[in-house]
Amino acid sequence: MFNLFKSKKTGETITLKLSGLHCTSCSLNIDGEIEEIKGVISSNTSYAKQSSVITYDPQLADPATFSAVIEKLGYTVVT
């Protein structure tokens, strides 16, 4: 059952522009790896938009780690 009054985890949000994504599998691969990082609350990657929106706890996660993980998977973070 839904609890509409339950507080949601909040944190800072960063949007990374990406290149090299070809399909939804690419997006799912990135989201799966990013969400394994301690302190990450959510990751929403869109291959159509070539971007990833990541919400995280800044006390637990470093945004530089996100880029490293994405590039390790073979995609490029555009600066």
N, C-alpha and C. Protein backbone atom coordinates (compact mmCIF):
# COMPACT_ATOMS: atom_id res chain seq x y z
N MET A 1 0.84 -1.18 0.00
CA MET A 1 0.00 0.00 0.00
C MET A 1 0.88 1.24 0.00
N PHE A 2 0.44 2.25 -0.68
CA PHE A 2 1.20 3.48 -0.77
C PHE A 2 1.07 4.30 0.50
N ASN A 3 2.18 4.88 0.90
CA ASN A 3 2.16 5.78 2.03
C ASN A 3 2.52 7.17 1.52
N LEU A 4 1.52 7.97 1.26
CA LEU A 4 1.73 9.29 0.67
C LEU A 4 2.41 10.25 1.62
N PHE A 5 2.40 9.94 2.90
CA PHE A 5 2.98 10.84 3.89
C PHE A 5 4.39 10.44 4.29
N LYS A 6 4.85 9.33 3.78
CA LYS A 6 6.21 8.88 4.09
C LYS A 6 7.20 9.80 3.38
N SER A 7 8.18 10.27 4.13
CA SER A 7 9.15 11.18 3.53
C SER A 7 10.08 10.43 2.58
N LYS A 8 10.38 11.09 1.48
CA LYS A 8 11.29 10.51 0.51
C LYS A 8 12.70 10.99 0.81
N LYS A 9 13.66 10.16 0.49
CA LYS A 9 15.05 10.55 0.68
C LYS A 9 15.35 11.69 -0.29
N THR A 10 15.99 12.71 0.23
CA THR A 10 16.37 13.82 -0.62
C THR A 10 17.88 14.00 -0.58
N GLY A 11 18.38 14.65 -1.56
CA GLY A 11 19.81 14.90 -1.64
C GLY A 11 20.07 15.90 -2.74
N GLU A 12 21.30 15.98 -3.15
CA GLU A 12 21.66 16.86 -4.25
C GLU A 12 21.48 16.10 -5.56
N THR A 13 21.22 16.86 -6.62
CA THR A 13 21.02 16.26 -7.93
C THR A 13 22.04 16.82 -8.90
N ILE A 14 22.61 15.94 -9.71
CA ILE A 14 23.56 16.33 -10.75
C ILE A 14 23.07 15.73 -12.07
N THR A 15 23.22 16.48 -13.14
CA THR A 15 22.88 15.98 -14.47
C THR A 15 24.16 15.90 -15.29
N LEU A 16 24.45 14.71 -15.79
CA LEU A 16 25.63 14.50 -16.62
C LEU A 16 25.22 14.30 -18.07
N LYS A 17 25.84 15.03 -18.97
CA LYS A 17 25.63 14.83 -20.40
C LYS A 17 26.53 13.68 -20.83
N LEU A 18 25.98 12.76 -21.62
CA LEU A 18 26.70 11.55 -22.02
C LEU A 18 26.73 11.41 -23.53
N SER A 19 27.62 10.56 -24.00
CA SER A 19 27.60 10.15 -25.40
C SER A 19 28.00 8.69 -25.47
N GLY A 20 27.56 8.05 -26.54
CA GLY A 20 27.88 6.64 -26.73
C GLY A 20 26.77 5.68 -26.35
N LEU A 21 25.63 6.20 -25.88
CA LEU A 21 24.51 5.34 -25.54
C LEU A 21 23.71 5.04 -26.81
N HIS A 22 23.34 3.77 -26.99
CA HIS A 22 22.65 3.36 -28.21
C HIS A 22 21.25 2.80 -27.98
N CYS A 23 20.96 2.42 -26.73
CA CYS A 23 19.66 1.79 -26.47
C CYS A 23 19.33 1.85 -24.99
N THR A 24 18.16 1.33 -24.64
CA THR A 24 17.76 1.34 -23.23
C THR A 24 18.65 0.45 -22.38
N SER A 25 19.25 -0.56 -22.97
CA SER A 25 20.18 -1.40 -22.21
C SER A 25 21.37 -0.60 -21.72
N CYS A 26 21.83 0.32 -22.54
CA CYS A 26 22.93 1.20 -22.12
C CYS A 26 22.51 1.99 -20.88
N SER A 27 21.31 2.53 -20.91
CA SER A 27 20.79 3.30 -19.78
C SER A 27 20.68 2.44 -18.53
N LEU A 28 20.16 1.25 -18.70
CA LEU A 28 20.01 0.35 -17.55
C LEU A 28 21.35 -0.07 -16.97
N ASN A 29 22.35 -0.29 -17.84
CA ASN A 29 23.68 -0.63 -17.35
C ASN A 29 24.24 0.48 -16.47
N ILE A 30 24.10 1.72 -16.94
CA ILE A 30 24.61 2.86 -16.18
C ILE A 30 23.86 2.99 -14.86
N ASP A 31 22.53 2.96 -14.90
CA ASP A 31 21.74 3.10 -13.68
C ASP A 31 22.08 2.01 -12.66
N GLY A 32 22.23 0.79 -13.13
CA GLY A 32 22.55 -0.31 -12.24
C GLY A 32 23.87 -0.12 -11.52
N GLU A 33 24.88 0.34 -12.24
CA GLU A 33 26.20 0.56 -11.64
C GLU A 33 26.21 1.78 -10.73
N ILE A 34 25.58 2.86 -11.15
CA ILE A 34 25.57 4.09 -10.34
C ILE A 34 24.82 3.85 -9.03
N GLU A 35 23.71 3.14 -9.09
CA GLU A 35 22.92 2.92 -7.88
C GLU A 35 23.60 1.99 -6.89
N GLU A 36 24.67 1.33 -7.28
CA GLU A 36 25.46 0.50 -6.37
C GLU A 36 26.43 1.34 -5.52
N ILE A 37 26.65 2.58 -5.91
CA ILE A 37 27.57 3.45 -5.18
C ILE A 37 26.91 3.91 -3.89
N LYS A 38 27.64 3.77 -2.79
CA LYS A 38 27.11 4.18 -1.49
C LYS A 38 26.78 5.67 -1.51
N GLY A 39 25.58 6.01 -1.08
CA GLY A 39 25.14 7.39 -1.02
C GLY A 39 24.28 7.82 -2.19
N VAL A 40 24.18 6.99 -3.22
CA VAL A 40 23.34 7.32 -4.36
C VAL A 40 21.90 6.94 -4.02
N ILE A 41 21.01 7.90 -4.19
CA ILE A 41 19.59 7.68 -3.90
C ILE A 41 18.87 7.17 -5.13
N SER A 42 19.17 7.78 -6.29
CA SER A 42 18.55 7.31 -7.53
C SER A 42 19.38 7.75 -8.73
N SER A 43 19.20 7.01 -9.81
CA SER A 43 19.85 7.34 -11.07
C SER A 43 18.83 7.12 -12.18
N ASN A 44 18.69 8.12 -13.04
CA ASN A 44 17.74 8.01 -14.15
C ASN A 44 18.47 8.43 -15.42
N THR A 45 18.85 7.44 -16.22
CA THR A 45 19.60 7.69 -17.44
C THR A 45 18.70 7.51 -18.65
N SER A 46 18.80 8.43 -19.59
CA SER A 46 18.01 8.38 -20.82
C SER A 46 18.94 8.33 -22.02
N TYR A 47 18.84 7.26 -22.80
CA TYR A 47 19.68 7.20 -24.00
C TYR A 47 19.18 8.19 -25.05
N ALA A 48 17.88 8.48 -25.07
CA ALA A 48 17.33 9.42 -26.03
C ALA A 48 17.84 10.85 -25.77
N LYS A 49 17.96 11.20 -24.50
CA LYS A 49 18.46 12.53 -24.13
C LYS A 49 19.98 12.54 -23.96
N GLN A 50 20.58 11.35 -23.94
CA GLN A 50 22.03 11.23 -23.73
C GLN A 50 22.43 11.95 -22.44
N SER A 51 21.68 11.65 -21.35
CA SER A 51 21.99 12.27 -20.07
C SER A 51 21.61 11.35 -18.92
N SER A 52 22.21 11.66 -17.77
CA SER A 52 21.92 10.90 -16.57
C SER A 52 21.67 11.89 -15.43
N VAL A 53 20.55 11.72 -14.74
CA VAL A 53 20.21 12.56 -13.60
C VAL A 53 20.39 11.70 -12.35
N ILE A 54 21.31 12.12 -11.49
CA ILE A 54 21.67 11.33 -10.32
C ILE A 54 21.38 12.14 -9.06
N THR A 55 20.64 11.54 -8.14
CA THR A 55 20.38 12.15 -6.84
C THR A 55 21.19 11.38 -5.80
N TYR A 56 21.92 12.13 -4.98
CA TYR A 56 22.86 11.49 -4.05
C TYR A 56 23.00 12.29 -2.77
N ASP A 57 23.53 11.63 -1.74
CA ASP A 57 23.86 12.27 -0.48
C ASP A 57 25.30 12.75 -0.58
N PRO A 58 25.54 14.07 -0.57
CA PRO A 58 26.90 14.58 -0.77
C PRO A 58 27.87 14.21 0.35
N GLN A 59 27.36 13.78 1.49
CA GLN A 59 28.24 13.35 2.57
C GLN A 59 28.75 11.93 2.35
N LEU A 60 28.10 11.19 1.47
CA LEU A 60 28.48 9.80 1.25
C LEU A 60 29.03 9.51 -0.14
N ALA A 61 28.66 10.32 -1.12
CA ALA A 61 29.06 10.04 -2.51
C ALA A 61 29.75 11.25 -3.12
N ASP A 62 30.77 10.98 -3.94
CA ASP A 62 31.51 12.02 -4.65
C ASP A 62 31.12 11.97 -6.13
N PRO A 63 30.64 13.09 -6.69
CA PRO A 63 30.22 13.10 -8.09
C PRO A 63 31.31 12.67 -9.07
N ALA A 64 32.57 12.84 -8.73
CA ALA A 64 33.65 12.40 -9.61
C ALA A 64 33.61 10.89 -9.82
N THR A 65 33.10 10.19 -8.84
CA THR A 65 32.97 8.73 -8.94
C THR A 65 31.98 8.35 -10.02
N PHE A 66 30.93 9.15 -10.20
CA PHE A 66 29.91 8.85 -11.20
C PHE A 66 30.53 8.83 -12.60
N SER A 67 31.31 9.83 -12.90
CA SER A 67 31.96 9.91 -14.22
C SER A 67 32.89 8.73 -14.43
N ALA A 68 33.65 8.38 -13.40
CA ALA A 68 34.59 7.27 -13.51
C ALA A 68 33.87 5.95 -13.80
N VAL A 69 32.76 5.72 -13.13
CA VAL A 69 31.99 4.49 -13.33
C VAL A 69 31.40 4.45 -14.74
N ILE A 70 30.86 5.57 -15.20
CA ILE A 70 30.26 5.63 -16.53
C ILE A 70 31.32 5.40 -17.61
N GLU A 71 32.47 6.01 -17.45
CA GLU A 71 33.54 5.83 -18.44
C GLU A 71 34.12 4.42 -18.41
N LYS A 72 34.14 3.80 -17.24
CA LYS A 72 34.59 2.41 -17.12
C LYS A 72 33.67 1.47 -17.91
N LEU A 73 32.39 1.85 -18.00
CA LEU A 73 31.43 1.05 -18.77
C LEU A 73 31.56 1.26 -20.28
N GLY A 74 32.37 2.24 -20.68
CA GLY A 74 32.60 2.46 -22.12
C GLY A 74 31.86 3.63 -22.72
N TYR A 75 31.23 4.45 -21.87
CA TYR A 75 30.51 5.63 -22.35
C TYR A 75 31.34 6.87 -22.02
N THR A 76 30.99 8.00 -22.63
CA THR A 76 31.73 9.23 -22.43
C THR A 76 30.88 10.24 -21.69
N VAL A 77 31.47 10.89 -20.68
CA VAL A 77 30.82 12.00 -20.00
C VAL A 77 31.30 13.27 -20.68
N VAL A 78 30.35 14.02 -21.22
CA VAL A 78 30.66 15.25 -21.97
C VAL A 78 30.71 16.42 -20.99
N THR A 79 31.81 17.17 -21.05
CA THR A 79 31.93 18.32 -20.14
C THR A 79 31.69 19.62 -20.86
